[in-house]
Structure formats: structure tokens, C-alpha cells
Protein backbone atom coordinates (compact mmCIF):
# COMPACT_ATOMS: atom_id res chain seq x y z
CA UNK A 1 -37.38 -28.01 -50.56
CA UNK A 2 -34.65 -30.57 -52.11
CA UNK A 3 -32.71 -32.01 -49.04
CA UNK A 4 -29.22 -33.30 -50.17
CA UNK A 5 -27.77 -36.43 -48.64
CA UNK A 6 -24.67 -36.18 -46.78
CA UNK A 7 -21.46 -37.07 -48.87
CA UNK A 8 -18.09 -38.00 -48.11
CA UNK A 9 -15.18 -37.26 -50.12
CA UNK A 10 -11.23 -38.40 -49.63
CA UNK A 11 -8.63 -35.81 -49.47
CA UNK A 12 -7.07 -37.52 -52.56
CA UNK A 13 -10.23 -37.00 -54.71
CA UNK A 14 -10.94 -33.50 -53.27
CA UNK A 15 -7.41 -32.65 -54.04
CA UNK A 16 -7.83 -33.96 -57.90
CA UNK A 17 -11.15 -32.23 -58.13
CA UNK A 18 -9.91 -28.86 -57.05
CA UNK A 19 -7.13 -29.43 -59.58
CA UNK A 20 -9.51 -30.34 -62.21
CA UNK A 21 -12.36 -27.49 -61.34
CA UNK A 22 -9.48 -24.79 -60.85
CA UNK A 23 -8.00 -25.16 -64.56
CA UNK A 24 -11.31 -25.66 -66.13
CA UNK A 25 -11.93 -23.22 -68.96
CA UNK A 26 -15.33 -21.94 -69.82
CA UNK A 27 -18.64 -21.86 -67.71
CA UNK A 28 -20.52 -24.84 -66.55
CA UNK A 29 -23.26 -25.26 -64.16
CA UNK A 30 -21.47 -28.75 -63.27
CA UNK A 31 -18.39 -26.84 -62.30
CA UNK A 32 -20.46 -24.55 -59.83
CA UNK A 33 -22.30 -27.57 -58.54
CA UNK A 34 -19.21 -29.68 -57.79
CA UNK A 35 -17.73 -26.73 -55.96
CA UNK A 36 -20.69 -26.64 -53.97
CA UNK A 37 -20.51 -30.32 -53.24
CA UNK A 38 -16.94 -30.29 -52.40
CA UNK A 39 -17.76 -27.36 -49.77
CA UNK A 40 -20.39 -29.42 -48.21
CA UNK A 41 -18.63 -32.84 -48.18
CA UNK A 42 -17.30 -34.57 -45.06
CA UNK A 43 -13.49 -34.92 -45.85
CA UNK A 44 -11.63 -38.06 -44.79
CA UNK A 45 -8.41 -39.36 -45.50
CA UNK A 46 -8.36 -42.00 -48.24
CA UNK A 47 -7.74 -44.94 -46.13
CA UNK A 48 -10.53 -44.21 -43.95
CA UNK A 49 -12.98 -44.14 -46.94
CA UNK A 50 -15.67 -47.08 -46.55
CA UNK A 51 -16.35 -49.50 -49.24
CA UNK A 52 -20.01 -48.26 -49.67
CA UNK A 53 -19.11 -44.54 -50.72
CA UNK A 54 -18.66 -43.44 -54.33
CA UNK A 55 -15.01 -42.33 -55.02
CA UNK A 56 -13.37 -41.50 -58.17
CA UNK A 57 -12.55 -45.08 -59.80
CA UNK A 58 -15.56 -46.73 -58.03
CA UNK A 59 -17.54 -48.92 -60.08
CA UNK A 60 -21.02 -47.94 -59.10
CA UNK A 61 -24.53 -49.12 -60.10
CA UNK A 62 -27.53 -46.73 -59.85
CA UNK A 63 -31.03 -46.24 -60.90
CA UNK A 64 -32.70 -43.35 -62.32
CA UNK A 65 -35.79 -42.74 -60.53
CA UNK A 66 -37.81 -41.10 -63.27
CA UNK A 67 -37.32 -43.89 -65.71
CA UNK A 68 -36.48 -46.93 -63.51
CA UNK A 69 -33.51 -47.76 -65.54
CA UNK A 70 -30.34 -49.10 -64.09
CA UNK A 71 -26.82 -48.37 -65.10
CA UNK A 72 -23.52 -49.66 -63.96
CA UNK A 73 -20.37 -47.08 -64.68
CA UNK A 74 -17.00 -46.43 -63.41
CA UNK A 75 -16.61 -42.56 -62.24
CA UNK A 76 -13.66 -41.12 -63.77
CA UNK A 77 -12.12 -37.77 -64.55
CA UNK A 78 -12.94 -36.47 -67.89
CA UNK A 79 -9.43 -37.22 -69.30
CA UNK A 80 -9.55 -41.05 -68.05
CA UNK A 81 -12.92 -41.70 -69.66
CA UNK A 82 -11.81 -42.43 -73.09
CA UNK A 83 -9.73 -45.25 -71.80
CA UNK A 84 -12.43 -46.95 -69.69
CA UNK A 85 -15.34 -48.45 -71.80
CA UNK A 86 -18.11 -47.93 -69.20
CA UNK A 87 -16.97 -44.72 -67.70
CA UNK A 88 -19.05 -41.72 -66.36
CA UNK A 89 -17.05 -38.55 -66.05
CA UNK A 90 -17.28 -36.53 -62.78
CA UNK A 91 -18.26 -33.45 -65.09
CA UNK A 92 -21.53 -35.15 -66.33
CA UNK A 93 -24.71 -34.17 -64.23
CA UNK A 94 -25.05 -37.90 -63.08
CA UNK A 95 -21.34 -38.36 -62.25
CA UNK A 96 -21.22 -35.34 -60.25
CA UNK A 97 -24.48 -35.99 -58.33
CA UNK A 98 -22.96 -39.63 -57.26
CA UNK A 99 -19.91 -38.31 -55.96
CA UNK A 100 -19.67 -39.39 -52.17
CA UNK A 101 -22.85 -41.09 -51.89
CA UNK A 102 -23.38 -43.91 -49.88
CA UNK A 103 -25.24 -47.28 -51.04
CA UNK A 104 -29.04 -46.63 -50.57
CA UNK A 105 -28.80 -42.78 -50.62
CA UNK A 106 -30.79 -40.86 -53.58
CA UNK A 107 -30.15 -37.37 -54.61
CA UNK A 108 -32.12 -34.84 -56.79
CA UNK A 109 -29.55 -33.16 -59.07
CA UNK A 110 -30.31 -29.79 -60.88
CA UNK A 111 -30.55 -30.32 -64.60
CA UNK A 112 -31.66 -27.87 -67.18
CA UNK A 113 -34.75 -26.65 -65.29
CA UNK A 114 -35.73 -30.18 -63.62
CA UNK A 115 -33.97 -32.60 -61.25
CA UNK A 116 -32.18 -35.85 -62.17
CA UNK A 117 -33.28 -38.34 -59.53
CA UNK A 118 -30.83 -40.87 -58.88
CA UNK A 119 -30.47 -43.73 -56.26
CA UNK A 120 -27.19 -45.47 -55.33
CA UNK A 121 -27.67 -49.35 -55.37
CA UNK A 122 -24.12 -50.47 -55.25
CA UNK A 123 -20.40 -49.67 -55.29
CA UNK A 124 -17.23 -51.58 -55.83
CA UNK A 125 -13.62 -50.48 -55.93
CA UNK A 126 -11.95 -51.28 -59.63
């Protein structure tokens, strides 16, 4: 049984993500997973977010637990990804999985018949 860690999402991010998802054209498992994540998220006002939680615009460092490889990226909306050199879109499996996690959390995210296993190592606001 895969237990998902609790996540926290700001009202601002929630509203931006619902606008994105509600206007998305086409089918995507990531869209369904993001709706599920938003449904289970603890929602707080943006000024109540702690600095160790991933939000849109956060610079984050995470490790792929299967490969041991570490990555540092900025979590963005898809249309913002082109203007940020090290962006990771919220519509990628890793981007969707990391939203709302707290430093030290790990998550197993469904990915084409297996799981992407990530651990959040650090977060900073850009």
C-alpha cells in the first residue's frame, strides 16, 4: 500500500492550478493526479506557508531514490517553463509529485506502470 505524505498548498497556488487544469485540453494522467492532490491538500493562505514547503516558484532540490541522482529545479506553470533555465513544470510527473511536500518528505508517484520515488532535500523561494 502506497501512503502519500501530507501536502500543503497555498490558496494562490490552488487557484492558479485550478485555472490551469480546468482549461487543459486533452487527456492526461498528470491532470487527474493533480486534481487528486489538490483535493487532499491542506489549503492555507499564501502568507501562512512555511519556507520548507514546495510552492509554485520554489527552487527545490530533490533526489530520485531509484537512481540516487539529485536535481535542483524551479517549479513552474507550463507557460513559465521556457523563461526559467532550470524549470520543472507542474505538469511533469516529478513536478506534480513535489507540490506541497515539506523538506524531508518522500513520495511514490505513479508513472507508466511503476512509481517515481522522490525525496525532497531542500526548498527556497526564488
